[in-house]
């Protein structure tokens, strides 16, 4: 989809923001540097903004030559306890020799606050993009996800919200309905097809009795860096409880035959460390449907954050919602298709 400049009359209205987005407007470079220096870390270079919309993330090199990433958390999204649970999980995985980006412990803490801003420092992993079509890389990633899930299944999250159709589907849909994002002329066809998609996704979800484990939660290829030692996993911001397939399905690309080949490679490597319940393959399309609904509400809820109109300029255009109607119709069809299976029908 090519970005298009949005006519002001079509942009989401100001009333749809929570007000928390304005918090980041006061996060100036001087304030960021002061926050970092309050921990006894002194940047030698400037701040390089990294690709993050939900939070504000910057890379820098300290005066001692160490490269760091500093992450400032969006207010009112996660509680301190939820963030700390994420940090503790990352540190526990790293203790199992899993290449996970972990928060730096300074003065006995991983979560810090400066003038009302919560932030964390991470060592910069470095590396290049993970090539999802590189089958050797895919095999190694599958092996590490198996190791992560082997450890993850031993305990549960007590603070972080779960992954389910209520939180990722029903609630975002309700928010979209009360907003004025969808053009009046498209509201009926858009919400009709979304409701049909969610109804089918919910029905499939209810038929699956799956074990719920601690997840990365947002394990798309962009959250895997390829280092000289193999994959490095980053960004546990969306860690939550849910089915294991959530951390696998976003690795699958291309047509059905390509996805089956990728799935076979992933699961063969994964099962060297952790057994996989193949019944969860039926959840791939419901999970994709939930992600689609959540994505639209997520952008709308964040619209008052200047980063969102700048990076999603097409969002308020009527053509975007026409395309979304078509995308949800295709997803409705996909939900009726037999799920991916390594056993021929």
C-alpha atoms as a PDB file:
ATOM      1  CA  UNK A   1       0.000   0.000   0.000  1.00  0.00           C
ATOM      2  CA  UNK A   2       1.523   3.325  -1.045  1.00  0.00           C
ATOM      3  CA  UNK A   3       1.346   6.172   1.482  1.00  0.00           C
ATOM      4  CA  UNK A   4      -0.858   9.085   0.466  1.00  0.00           C
ATOM      5  CA  UNK A   5      -1.111  12.478   2.046  1.00  0.00           C
ATOM      6  CA  UNK A   6      -4.325  12.722   4.039  1.00  0.00           C
ATOM      7  CA  UNK A   7      -6.860  15.471   3.523  1.00  0.00           C
ATOM      8  CA  UNK A   8      -7.350  17.240   6.829  1.00  0.00           C
ATOM      9  CA  UNK A   9     -11.097  16.685   6.628  1.00  0.00           C
ATOM     10  CA  UNK A  10     -10.485  12.937   6.625  1.00  0.00           C
ATOM     11  CA  UNK A  11      -7.997  12.623   9.454  1.00  0.00           C
ATOM     12  CA  UNK A  12      -9.076  11.071  12.783  1.00  0.00           C
ATOM     13  CA  UNK A  13     -10.507  13.642  15.126  1.00  0.00           C
ATOM     14  CA  UNK A  14      -8.624  14.951  18.144  1.00  0.00           C
ATOM     15  CA  UNK A  15     -11.119  13.503  20.570  1.00  0.00           C
ATOM     16  CA  UNK A  16      -9.837   9.990  19.900  1.00  0.00           C
ATOM     17  CA  UNK A  17      -6.545  10.415  21.747  1.00  0.00           C
ATOM     18  CA  UNK A  18      -6.112   9.554  25.404  1.00  0.00           C
ATOM     19  CA  UNK A  19      -3.964  12.614  26.111  1.00  0.00           C
ATOM     20  CA  UNK A  20      -0.992  10.418  27.046  1.00  0.00           C
ATOM     21  CA  UNK A  21       0.472  10.918  23.580  1.00  0.00           C
ATOM     22  CA  UNK A  22       1.285  14.534  24.409  1.00  0.00           C
ATOM     23  CA  UNK A  23       3.678  13.219  27.063  1.00  0.00           C
ATOM     24  CA  UNK A  24       6.273  12.483  24.386  1.00  0.00           C
ATOM     25  CA  UNK A  25       6.208  16.025  23.015  1.00  0.00           C
ATOM     26  CA  UNK A  26       8.168  17.204  26.053  1.00  0.00           C
ATOM     27  CA  UNK A  27      10.725  14.394  25.692  1.00  0.00           C
ATOM     28  CA  UNK A  28      13.437  16.632  24.266  1.00  0.00           C
ATOM     29  CA  UNK A  29      17.000  15.524  23.458  1.00  0.00           C
ATOM     30  CA  UNK A  30      18.266  17.447  26.488  1.00  0.00           C
ATOM     31  CA  UNK A  31      15.792  15.696  28.775  1.00  0.00           C
ATOM     32  CA  UNK A  32      16.755  12.294  27.316  1.00  0.00           C
ATOM     33  CA  UNK A  33      20.449  12.995  27.902  1.00  0.00           C
ATOM     34  CA  UNK A  34      19.753  14.217  31.440  1.00  0.00           C
ATOM     35  CA  UNK A  35      17.792  11.043  32.178  1.00  0.00           C
ATOM     36  CA  UNK A  36      20.626   8.826  30.925  1.00  0.00           C
ATOM     37  CA  UNK A  37      23.253  10.792  32.819  1.00  0.00           C
ATOM     38  CA  UNK A  38      21.198  10.499  36.017  1.00  0.00           C
ATOM     39  CA  UNK A  39      22.239   6.828  35.952  1.00  0.00           C
ATOM     40  CA  UNK A  40      25.933   7.643  35.671  1.00  0.00           C
ATOM     41  CA  UNK A  41      26.051   6.806  31.950  1.00  0.00           C
ATOM     42  CA  UNK A  42      27.437   9.599  29.762  1.00  0.00           C
ATOM     43  CA  UNK A  43      26.652   9.557  26.026  1.00  0.00           C
ATOM     44  CA  UNK A  44      29.550  10.395  23.747  1.00  0.00           C
ATOM     45  CA  UNK A  45      27.520  10.393  20.522  1.00  0.00           C
ATOM     46  CA  UNK A  46      24.210  11.893  19.548  1.00  0.00           C
ATOM     47  CA  UNK A  47      20.929  10.014  19.872  1.00  0.00           C
ATOM     48  CA  UNK A  48      19.906   7.826  16.926  1.00  0.00           C
ATOM     49  CA  UNK A  49      16.127   7.337  16.911  1.00  0.00           C
ATOM     50  CA  UNK A  50      15.207   3.694  16.257  1.00  0.00           C
ATOM     51  CA  UNK A  51      12.078   2.407  14.574  1.00  0.00           C
ATOM     52  CA  UNK A  52       9.522   2.380  17.382  1.00  0.00           C
ATOM     53  CA  UNK A  53       6.054   3.921  17.426  1.00  0.00           C
ATOM     54  CA  UNK A  54       4.652   2.677  20.715  1.00  0.00           C
ATOM     55  CA  UNK A  55       7.578   3.875  22.817  1.00  0.00           C
ATOM     56  CA  UNK A  56      10.542   6.165  22.155  1.00  0.00           C
ATOM     57  CA  UNK A  57      13.803   4.300  21.573  1.00  0.00           C
ATOM     58  CA  UNK A  58      17.274   5.725  20.893  1.00  0.00           C
ATOM     59  CA  UNK A  59      20.739   4.274  20.355  1.00  0.00           C
ATOM     60  CA  UNK A  60      23.956   5.910  21.526  1.00  0.00           C
ATOM     61  CA  UNK A  61      27.556   5.183  22.495  1.00  0.00           C
ATOM     62  CA  UNK A  62      28.800   6.050  25.956  1.00  0.00           C
ATOM     63  CA  UNK A  63      32.065   7.772  26.786  1.00  0.00           C
ATOM     64  CA  UNK A  64      33.453   4.352  27.731  1.00  0.00           C
ATOM     65  CA  UNK A  65      32.759   2.970  24.252  1.00  0.00           C
ATOM     66  CA  UNK A  66      29.737   0.821  25.131  1.00  0.00           C
ATOM     67  CA  UNK A  67      26.723   0.981  22.799  1.00  0.00           C
ATOM     68  CA  UNK A  68      23.321   1.253  24.460  1.00  0.00           C
ATOM     69  CA  UNK A  69      19.665   1.513  23.553  1.00  0.00           C
ATOM     70  CA  UNK A  70      17.452   3.617  25.821  1.00  0.00           C
ATOM     71  CA  UNK A  71      13.713   2.992  25.811  1.00  0.00           C
ATOM     72  CA  UNK A  72      11.173   5.486  27.183  1.00  0.00           C
ATOM     73  CA  UNK A  73       7.849   3.815  27.892  1.00  0.00           C
ATOM     74  CA  UNK A  74       4.515   5.151  26.694  1.00  0.00           C
ATOM     75  CA  UNK A  75       2.574   6.289  29.768  1.00  0.00           C
ATOM     76  CA  UNK A  76      -0.608   4.541  30.878  1.00  0.00           C
ATOM     77  CA  UNK A  77       0.045   1.409  28.812  1.00  0.00           C
ATOM     78  CA  UNK A  78       1.785  -0.959  31.216  1.00  0.00           C
ATOM     79  CA  UNK A  79       2.049  -0.668  34.969  1.00  0.00           C
ATOM     80  CA  UNK A  80       5.444  -0.728  36.690  1.00  0.00           C
ATOM     81  CA  UNK A  81       4.710  -4.293  37.808  1.00  0.00           C
ATOM     82  CA  UNK A  82       3.947  -5.375  34.235  1.00  0.00           C
ATOM     83  CA  UNK A  83       7.147  -3.809  32.911  1.00  0.00           C
ATOM     84  CA  UNK A  84       9.170  -5.376  35.710  1.00  0.00           C
ATOM     85  CA  UNK A  85       7.695  -8.783  34.910  1.00  0.00           C
ATOM     86  CA  UNK A  86       8.863  -8.328  31.310  1.00  0.00           C
ATOM     87  CA  UNK A  87      12.361  -7.388  32.497  1.00  0.00           C
ATOM     88  CA  UNK A  88      12.578 -10.331  34.893  1.00  0.00           C
ATOM     89  CA  UNK A  89      11.501 -12.705  32.127  1.00  0.00           C
ATOM     90  CA  UNK A  90      14.141 -11.353  29.734  1.00  0.00           C
ATOM     91  CA  UNK A  91      16.859 -11.726  32.360  1.00  0.00           C
ATOM     92  CA  UNK A  92      15.737 -15.272  33.156  1.00  0.00           C
ATOM     93  CA  UNK A  93      15.863 -16.240  29.469  1.00  0.00           C
ATOM     94  CA  UNK A  94      19.352 -14.762  29.120  1.00  0.00           C
ATOM     95  CA  UNK A  95      20.426 -16.826  32.146  1.00  0.00           C
ATOM     96  CA  UNK A  96      19.397 -19.878  30.104  1.00  0.00           C
ATOM     97  CA  UNK A  97      21.874 -18.797  27.374  1.00  0.00           C
ATOM     98  CA  UNK A  98      19.098 -17.583  25.103  1.00  0.00           C
ATOM     99  CA  UNK A  99      20.206 -14.529  23.068  1.00  0.00           C
ATOM    100  CA  UNK A 100      17.605 -12.098  24.368  1.00  0.00           C
ATOM    101  CA  UNK A 101      18.094  -8.345  24.694  1.00  0.00           C
ATOM    102  CA  UNK A 102      18.060  -7.725  28.437  1.00  0.00           C
ATOM    103  CA  UNK A 103      17.764  -4.550  30.510  1.00  0.00           C
ATOM    104  CA  UNK A 104      20.872  -3.215  32.176  1.00  0.00           C
ATOM    105  CA  UNK A 105      20.783  -3.443  35.982  1.00  0.00           C
ATOM    106  CA  UNK A 106      21.896  -0.118  37.466  1.00  0.00           C
ATOM    107  CA  UNK A 107      21.746   0.625  41.178  1.00  0.00           C
ATOM    108  CA  UNK A 108      19.862  -2.639  41.603  1.00  0.00           C
ATOM    109  CA  UNK A 109      17.077  -1.630  39.189  1.00  0.00           C
ATOM    110  CA  UNK A 110      16.170  -2.170  35.544  1.00  0.00           C
ATOM    111  CA  UNK A 111      13.265   0.324  35.427  1.00  0.00           C
ATOM    112  CA  UNK A 112      14.127   3.956  36.098  1.00  0.00           C
ATOM    113  CA  UNK A 113      12.227   7.227  36.294  1.00  0.00           C
ATOM    114  CA  UNK A 114      13.237  10.779  35.508  1.00  0.00           C
ATOM    115  CA  UNK A 115      10.853  13.721  35.668  1.00  0.00           C
ATOM    116  CA  UNK A 116       7.855  11.460  35.221  1.00  0.00           C
ATOM    117  CA  UNK A 117       9.345   9.401  32.370  1.00  0.00           C
ATOM    118  CA  UNK A 118       9.899   5.685  32.889  1.00  0.00           C
ATOM    119  CA  UNK A 119      12.876   4.322  30.967  1.00  0.00           C
ATOM    120  CA  UNK A 120      15.279   1.414  30.635  1.00  0.00           C
ATOM    121  CA  UNK A 121      18.745   0.904  29.175  1.00  0.00           C
ATOM    122  CA  UNK A 122      19.648  -2.126  27.043  1.00  0.00           C
ATOM    123  CA  UNK A 123      22.991  -3.122  25.552  1.00  0.00           C
ATOM    124  CA  UNK A 124      22.819  -2.637  21.783  1.00  0.00           C
ATOM    125  CA  UNK A 125      22.769  -6.067  20.132  1.00  0.00           C
ATOM    126  CA  UNK A 126      23.621  -4.943  16.624  1.00  0.00           C
ATOM    127  CA  UNK A 127      23.258  -7.282  13.686  1.00  0.00           C
ATOM    128  CA  UNK A 128      21.480  -7.366  10.355  1.00  0.00           C
ATOM    129  CA  UNK A 129      17.924  -8.238   9.397  1.00  0.00           C
ATOM    130  CA  UNK A 130      16.771 -11.827   9.832  1.00  0.00           C
ATOM    131  CA  UNK A 131      16.124 -13.333   6.381  1.00  0.00           C
ATOM    132  CA  UNK A 132      12.887 -15.239   6.809  1.00  0.00           C
ATOM    133  CA  UNK A 133      13.355 -16.908   3.399  1.00  0.00           C
ATOM    134  CA  UNK A 134      16.796 -18.198   4.437  1.00  0.00           C
ATOM    135  CA  UNK A 135      15.939 -21.748   5.484  1.00  0.00           C
ATOM    136  CA  UNK A 136      19.153 -22.227   7.488  1.00  0.00           C
ATOM    137  CA  UNK A 137      18.381 -19.109   9.508  1.00  0.00           C
ATOM    138  CA  UNK A 138      14.760 -20.217   9.885  1.00  0.00           C
ATOM    139  CA  UNK A 139      15.868 -23.567  11.281  1.00  0.00           C
ATOM    140  CA  UNK A 140      18.086 -21.910  13.880  1.00  0.00           C
ATOM    141  CA  UNK A 141      15.297 -19.512  14.865  1.00  0.00           C
ATOM    142  CA  UNK A 142      12.919 -22.455  15.288  1.00  0.00           C
ATOM    143  CA  UNK A 143      15.429 -24.147  17.575  1.00  0.00           C
ATOM    144  CA  UNK A 144      15.749 -21.059  19.774  1.00  0.00           C
ATOM    145  CA  UNK A 145      11.975 -20.513  19.950  1.00  0.00           C
ATOM    146  CA  UNK A 146      11.700 -24.114  21.106  1.00  0.00           C
ATOM    147  CA  UNK A 147      14.217 -23.393  23.851  1.00  0.00           C
ATOM    148  CA  UNK A 148      12.375 -20.220  24.832  1.00  0.00           C
ATOM    149  CA  UNK A 149       9.053 -22.060  25.080  1.00  0.00           C
ATOM    150  CA  UNK A 150      10.605 -24.961  26.954  1.00  0.00           C
ATOM    151  CA  UNK A 151      11.582 -22.494  29.666  1.00  0.00           C
ATOM    152  CA  UNK A 152       8.463 -20.326  29.308  1.00  0.00           C
ATOM    153  CA  UNK A 153       6.115 -23.209  30.076  1.00  0.00           C
ATOM    154  CA  UNK A 154       7.608 -23.677  33.551  1.00  0.00           C
ATOM    155  CA  UNK A 155       5.863 -20.632  35.073  1.00  0.00           C
ATOM    156  CA  UNK A 156       3.141 -18.103  34.246  1.00  0.00           C
ATOM    157  CA  UNK A 157       2.864 -14.331  34.034  1.00  0.00           C
ATOM    158  CA  UNK A 158       0.895 -12.904  36.930  1.00  0.00           C
ATOM    159  CA  UNK A 159       0.823  -9.238  35.864  1.00  0.00           C
ATOM    160  CA  UNK A 160       0.592  -9.092  32.076  1.00  0.00           C
ATOM    161  CA  UNK A 161      -2.712  -9.362  30.241  1.00  0.00           C
ATOM    162  CA  UNK A 162      -3.384 -12.533  28.208  1.00  0.00           C
ATOM    163  CA  UNK A 163      -3.729 -12.927  24.471  1.00  0.00           C
ATOM    164  CA  UNK A 164      -7.369 -13.644  23.693  1.00  0.00           C
ATOM    165  CA  UNK A 165     -10.237 -12.584  21.350  1.00  0.00           C
ATOM    166  CA  UNK A 166     -11.694 -10.288  24.008  1.00  0.00           C
ATOM    167  CA  UNK A 167      -8.591  -8.105  24.404  1.00  0.00           C
ATOM    168  CA  UNK A 168      -7.344  -8.242  20.806  1.00  0.00           C
ATOM    169  CA  UNK A 169     -10.684  -8.406  18.991  1.00  0.00           C
ATOM    170  CA  UNK A 170     -13.862  -7.466  20.812  1.00  0.00           C
ATOM    171  CA  UNK A 171     -12.448  -4.473  22.699  1.00  0.00           C
ATOM    172  CA  UNK A 172     -10.669  -2.912  19.668  1.00  0.00           C
ATOM    173  CA  UNK A 173     -13.830  -3.396  17.585  1.00  0.00           C
ATOM    174  CA  UNK A 174     -15.918  -1.634  20.222  1.00  0.00           C
ATOM    175  CA  UNK A 175     -13.437   1.243  20.236  1.00  0.00           C
ATOM    176  CA  UNK A 176     -13.531   1.542  16.440  1.00  0.00           C
ATOM    177  CA  UNK A 177     -17.325   1.647  16.492  1.00  0.00           C
ATOM    178  CA  UNK A 178     -17.465   4.527  18.951  1.00  0.00           C
ATOM    179  CA  UNK A 179     -14.820   6.484  17.067  1.00  0.00           C
ATOM    180  CA  UNK A 180     -15.405   8.420  13.858  1.00  0.00           C
ATOM    181  CA  UNK A 181     -12.451   6.848  12.064  1.00  0.00           C
ATOM    182  CA  UNK A 182     -14.380   4.812   9.507  1.00  0.00           C
ATOM    183  CA  UNK A 183     -16.024   7.048   6.869  1.00  0.00           C
ATOM    184  CA  UNK A 184     -19.809   7.159   7.234  1.00  0.00           C
ATOM    185  CA  UNK A 185     -20.394   5.625   3.816  1.00  0.00           C
ATOM    186  CA  UNK A 186     -18.182   2.627   4.689  1.00  0.00           C
ATOM    187  CA  UNK A 187     -19.203   1.957   8.280  1.00  0.00           C
ATOM    188  CA  UNK A 188     -21.881  -0.622   7.445  1.00  0.00           C
ATOM    189  CA  UNK A 189     -19.790  -2.787   5.075  1.00  0.00           C
ATOM    190  CA  UNK A 190     -16.667  -2.445   7.223  1.00  0.00           C
ATOM    191  CA  UNK A 191     -18.217  -3.369  10.568  1.00  0.00           C
ATOM    192  CA  UNK A 192     -20.375  -6.072   9.003  1.00  0.00           C
ATOM    193  CA  UNK A 193     -17.389  -7.956   7.604  1.00  0.00           C
ATOM    194  CA  UNK A 194     -15.259  -7.397  10.728  1.00  0.00           C
ATOM    195  CA  UNK A 195     -18.028  -8.795  12.920  1.00  0.00           C
ATOM    196  CA  UNK A 196     -18.297 -11.833  10.628  1.00  0.00           C
ATOM    197  CA  UNK A 197     -14.531 -12.357  10.777  1.00  0.00           C
ATOM    198  CA  UNK A 198     -14.446 -12.114  14.570  1.00  0.00           C
ATOM    199  CA  UNK A 199     -17.418 -14.447  14.948  1.00  0.00           C
ATOM    200  CA  UNK A 200     -15.626 -17.141  12.948  1.00  0.00           C
ATOM    201  CA  UNK A 201     -12.314 -16.502  14.683  1.00  0.00           C
ATOM    202  CA  UNK A 202     -13.986 -16.782  18.104  1.00  0.00           C
ATOM    203  CA  UNK A 203     -15.720 -20.023  17.131  1.00  0.00           C
ATOM    204  CA  UNK A 204     -12.433 -21.596  16.022  1.00  0.00           C
ATOM    205  CA  UNK A 205     -10.682 -20.306  19.154  1.00  0.00           C
ATOM    206  CA  UNK A 206     -13.312 -21.869  21.437  1.00  0.00           C
ATOM    207  CA  UNK A 207     -12.919 -25.260  19.770  1.00  0.00           C
ATOM    208  CA  UNK A 208      -9.201 -25.381  20.573  1.00  0.00           C
ATOM    209  CA  UNK A 209      -8.150 -26.598  24.004  1.00  0.00           C
ATOM    210  CA  UNK A 210      -4.577 -25.340  24.078  1.00  0.00           C
ATOM    211  CA  UNK A 211      -2.004 -24.858  26.793  1.00  0.00           C
ATOM    212  CA  UNK A 212      -1.278 -21.200  27.527  1.00  0.00           C
ATOM    213  CA  UNK A 213       2.394 -20.330  28.032  1.00  0.00           C
ATOM    214  CA  UNK A 214       4.500 -17.195  28.408  1.00  0.00           C
ATOM    215  CA  UNK A 215       5.045 -15.708  24.947  1.00  0.00           C
ATOM    216  CA  UNK A 216       7.250 -13.149  23.276  1.00  0.00           C
ATOM    217  CA  UNK A 217       3.888 -12.006  21.925  1.00  0.00           C
ATOM    218  CA  UNK A 218       5.066 -10.004  18.891  1.00  0.00           C
ATOM    219  CA  UNK A 219       7.673 -12.261  17.327  1.00  0.00           C
ATOM    220  CA  UNK A 220       7.695 -11.007  13.750  1.00  0.00           C
ATOM    221  CA  UNK A 221      10.950 -11.090  11.718  1.00  0.00           C
ATOM    222  CA  UNK A 222      11.682  -7.444  12.592  1.00  0.00           C
ATOM    223  CA  UNK A 223      12.157  -8.430  16.227  1.00  0.00           C
ATOM    224  CA  UNK A 224      14.960 -10.847  15.362  1.00  0.00           C
ATOM    225  CA  UNK A 225      18.436  -9.544  14.563  1.00  0.00           C
ATOM    226  CA  UNK A 226      21.075 -11.713  12.891  1.00  0.00           C
ATOM    227  CA  UNK A 227      24.348 -11.462  14.762  1.00  0.00           C
ATOM    228  CA  UNK A 228      27.703 -13.231  14.151  1.00  0.00           C
ATOM    229  CA  UNK A 229      26.514 -15.831  16.680  1.00  0.00           C
ATOM    230  CA  UNK A 230      23.064 -16.339  15.162  1.00  0.00           C
ATOM    231  CA  UNK A 231      19.681 -14.860  16.075  1.00  0.00           C
ATOM    232  CA  UNK A 232      19.213 -12.204  18.719  1.00  0.00           C
ATOM    233  CA  UNK A 233      15.701 -11.633  20.054  1.00  0.00           C
ATOM    234  CA  UNK A 234      14.498  -8.160  21.022  1.00  0.00           C
ATOM    235  CA  UNK A 235      11.424  -6.323  22.309  1.00  0.00           C
ATOM    236  CA  UNK A 236       9.381  -8.245  24.853  1.00  0.00           C
ATOM    237  CA  UNK A 237       7.040  -5.255  25.154  1.00  0.00           C
ATOM    238  CA  UNK A 238       4.034  -7.395  24.134  1.00  0.00           C
ATOM    239  CA  UNK A 239       4.934 -10.453  26.229  1.00  0.00           C
ATOM    240  CA  UNK A 240       1.802 -12.203  27.492  1.00  0.00           C
ATOM    241  CA  UNK A 241       0.202 -15.603  28.072  1.00  0.00           C
ATOM    242  CA  UNK A 242      -1.217 -17.453  25.084  1.00  0.00           C
ATOM    243  CA  UNK A 243      -0.840 -20.346  22.615  1.00  0.00           C
ATOM    244  CA  UNK A 244       2.655 -21.247  21.417  1.00  0.00           C
ATOM    245  CA  UNK A 245       1.695 -20.776  17.757  1.00  0.00           C
ATOM    246  CA  UNK A 246       1.579 -16.987  18.327  1.00  0.00           C
ATOM    247  CA  UNK A 247       5.385 -16.953  18.403  1.00  0.00           C
ATOM    248  CA  UNK A 248       5.637 -18.985  15.184  1.00  0.00           C
ATOM    249  CA  UNK A 249       2.991 -17.994  12.659  1.00  0.00           C
ATOM    250  CA  UNK A 250       4.450 -14.594  11.743  1.00  0.00           C
ATOM    251  CA  UNK A 251       7.527 -16.383  10.337  1.00  0.00           C
ATOM    252  CA  UNK A 252       5.401 -17.902   7.560  1.00  0.00           C
ATOM    253  CA  UNK A 253       5.358 -16.066   4.231  1.00  0.00           C
ATOM    254  CA  UNK A 254       4.445 -16.696   0.614  1.00  0.00           C
ATOM    255  CA  UNK A 255       1.837 -19.092  -0.764  1.00  0.00           C
ATOM    256  CA  UNK A 256       0.506 -22.168   1.001  1.00  0.00           C
ATOM    257  CA  UNK A 257       3.219 -24.512  -0.291  1.00  0.00           C
ATOM    258  CA  UNK A 258       5.975 -22.120   0.793  1.00  0.00           C
ATOM    259  CA  UNK A 259       4.397 -21.762   4.215  1.00  0.00           C
ATOM    260  CA  UNK A 260       4.137 -25.529   4.619  1.00  0.00           C
ATOM    261  CA  UNK A 261       7.850 -25.894   3.836  1.00  0.00           C
ATOM    262  CA  UNK A 262       8.733 -23.119   6.293  1.00  0.00           C
ATOM    263  CA  UNK A 263       6.444 -24.610   8.933  1.00  0.00           C
ATOM    264  CA  UNK A 264       8.028 -28.051   8.588  1.00  0.00           C
ATOM    265  CA  UNK A 265      11.513 -26.578   9.050  1.00  0.00           C
ATOM    266  CA  UNK A 266      10.440 -24.439  12.013  1.00  0.00           C
ATOM    267  CA  UNK A 267       8.626 -27.207  13.868  1.00  0.00           C
ATOM    268  CA  UNK A 268      11.251 -29.876  13.274  1.00  0.00           C
ATOM    269  CA  UNK A 269      13.835 -27.579  14.866  1.00  0.00           C
ATOM    270  CA  UNK A 270      11.401 -26.368  17.553  1.00  0.00           C
ATOM    271  CA  UNK A 271      10.585 -29.918  18.676  1.00  0.00           C
ATOM    272  CA  UNK A 272      14.225 -30.677  19.423  1.00  0.00           C
ATOM    273  CA  UNK A 273      13.483 -28.815  22.670  1.00  0.00           C
ATOM    274  CA  UNK A 274       9.725 -28.430  23.080  1.00  0.00           C
ATOM    275  CA  UNK A 275       6.763 -30.510  21.992  1.00  0.00           C
ATOM    276  CA  UNK A 276       4.292 -28.664  19.762  1.00  0.00           C
ATOM    277  CA  UNK A 277       0.560 -29.388  19.737  1.00  0.00           C
ATOM    278  CA  UNK A 278      -0.274 -29.393  16.013  1.00  0.00           C
ATOM    279  CA  UNK A 279      -3.939 -28.670  16.795  1.00  0.00           C
ATOM    280  CA  UNK A 280      -2.797 -25.088  17.389  1.00  0.00           C
ATOM    281  CA  UNK A 281      -2.223 -24.684  13.645  1.00  0.00           C
ATOM    282  CA  UNK A 282      -5.971 -24.046  13.427  1.00  0.00           C
ATOM    283  CA  UNK A 283      -5.359 -20.805  15.359  1.00  0.00           C
ATOM    284  CA  UNK A 284      -3.122 -19.183  12.731  1.00  0.00           C
ATOM    285  CA  UNK A 285      -5.909 -17.492  10.778  1.00  0.00           C
ATOM    286  CA  UNK A 286      -7.886 -16.458  13.899  1.00  0.00           C
ATOM    287  CA  UNK A 287      -4.688 -14.899  15.276  1.00  0.00           C
ATOM    288  CA  UNK A 288      -4.138 -13.080  11.987  1.00  0.00           C
ATOM    289  CA  UNK A 289      -7.728 -11.793  12.128  1.00  0.00           C
ATOM    290  CA  UNK A 290      -7.285 -10.512  15.699  1.00  0.00           C
ATOM    291  CA  UNK A 291      -4.050  -8.771  14.693  1.00  0.00           C
ATOM    292  CA  UNK A 292      -5.844  -7.015  11.818  1.00  0.00           C
ATOM    293  CA  UNK A 293      -8.597  -5.644  14.070  1.00  0.00           C
ATOM    294  CA  UNK A 294      -6.181  -4.655  16.818  1.00  0.00           C
ATOM    295  CA  UNK A 295      -3.890  -2.910  14.315  1.00  0.00           C
ATOM    296  CA  UNK A 296      -6.607  -0.524  13.116  1.00  0.00           C
ATOM    297  CA  UNK A 297      -7.681   0.427  16.635  1.00  0.00           C
ATOM    298  CA  UNK A 298      -4.043   0.775  17.736  1.00  0.00           C
ATOM    299  CA  UNK A 299      -3.267   3.401  15.091  1.00  0.00           C
ATOM    300  CA  UNK A 300      -6.503   5.247  15.820  1.00  0.00           C
ATOM    301  CA  UNK A 301      -5.887   5.344  19.553  1.00  0.00           C
ATOM    302  CA  UNK A 302      -2.400   6.746  18.998  1.00  0.00           C
ATOM    303  CA  UNK A 303      -3.311   9.343  16.379  1.00  0.00           C
ATOM    304  CA  UNK A 304      -2.550  12.360  18.553  1.00  0.00           C
ATOM    305  CA  UNK A 305       1.034  11.135  18.854  1.00  0.00           C
ATOM    306  CA  UNK A 306       2.814  13.033  16.043  1.00  0.00           C
ATOM    307  CA  UNK A 307       4.747   9.878  15.107  1.00  0.00           C
ATOM    308  CA  UNK A 308       1.562   8.227  13.839  1.00  0.00           C
ATOM    309  CA  UNK A 309       0.276  10.755  11.261  1.00  0.00           C
ATOM    310  CA  UNK A 310       3.862  11.066  10.046  1.00  0.00           C
ATOM    311  CA  UNK A 311       4.363   7.306   9.572  1.00  0.00           C
ATOM    312  CA  UNK A 312       0.815   6.276   8.643  1.00  0.00           C
ATOM    313  CA  UNK A 313      -0.334   9.198   6.462  1.00  0.00           C
ATOM    314  CA  UNK A 314      -2.755   7.003   4.497  1.00  0.00           C
ATOM    315  CA  UNK A 315      -4.690   5.941   7.599  1.00  0.00           C
ATOM    316  CA  UNK A 316      -7.406   8.594   7.420  1.00  0.00           C
ATOM    317  CA  UNK A 317      -7.994   8.246   3.690  1.00  0.00           C
ATOM    318  CA  UNK A 318     -11.208   6.625   2.465  1.00  0.00           C
ATOM    319  CA  UNK A 319      -9.210   4.379   0.123  1.00  0.00           C
ATOM    320  CA  UNK A 320      -7.524   2.813   3.129  1.00  0.00           C
ATOM    321  CA  UNK A 321     -10.845   1.694   4.605  1.00  0.00           C
ATOM    322  CA  UNK A 322     -12.001   0.373   1.234  1.00  0.00           C
ATOM    323  CA  UNK A 323      -8.821  -1.724   1.142  1.00  0.00           C
ATOM    324  CA  UNK A 324      -9.468  -2.891   4.692  1.00  0.00           C
ATOM    325  CA  UNK A 325     -12.944  -4.097   3.727  1.00  0.00           C
ATOM    326  CA  UNK A 326     -11.380  -6.169   0.945  1.00  0.00           C
ATOM    327  CA  UNK A 327      -8.661  -7.461   3.299  1.00  0.00           C
ATOM    328  CA  UNK A 328     -11.235  -8.585   5.883  1.00  0.00           C
ATOM    329  CA  UNK A 329     -13.301 -10.277   3.156  1.00  0.00           C
ATOM    330  CA  UNK A 330     -10.183 -12.214   2.151  1.00  0.00           C
ATOM    331  CA  UNK A 331      -9.597 -13.085   5.811  1.00  0.00           C
ATOM    332  CA  UNK A 332     -13.186 -14.323   6.089  1.00  0.00           C
ATOM    333  CA  UNK A 333     -12.431 -16.705   3.225  1.00  0.00           C
ATOM    334  CA  UNK A 334      -9.140 -17.764   4.831  1.00  0.00           C
ATOM    335  CA  UNK A 335     -10.939 -18.704   8.044  1.00  0.00           C
ATOM    336  CA  UNK A 336     -13.045 -21.194   6.042  1.00  0.00           C
ATOM    337  CA  UNK A 337      -9.993 -22.843   4.503  1.00  0.00           C
ATOM    338  CA  UNK A 338      -8.487 -25.987   6.079  1.00  0.00           C
ATOM    339  CA  UNK A 339      -5.666 -24.978   8.451  1.00  0.00           C
ATOM    340  CA  UNK A 340      -2.057 -25.602   7.544  1.00  0.00           C
ATOM    341  CA  UNK A 341      -1.146 -29.193   8.270  1.00  0.00           C
ATOM    342  CA  UNK A 342       1.970 -31.283   7.844  1.00  0.00           C
ATOM    343  CA  UNK A 343      -0.290 -34.317   7.379  1.00  0.00           C
ATOM    344  CA  UNK A 344      -1.733 -34.503   3.833  1.00  0.00           C
ATOM    345  CA  UNK A 345      -5.531 -34.411   3.686  1.00  0.00           C
END
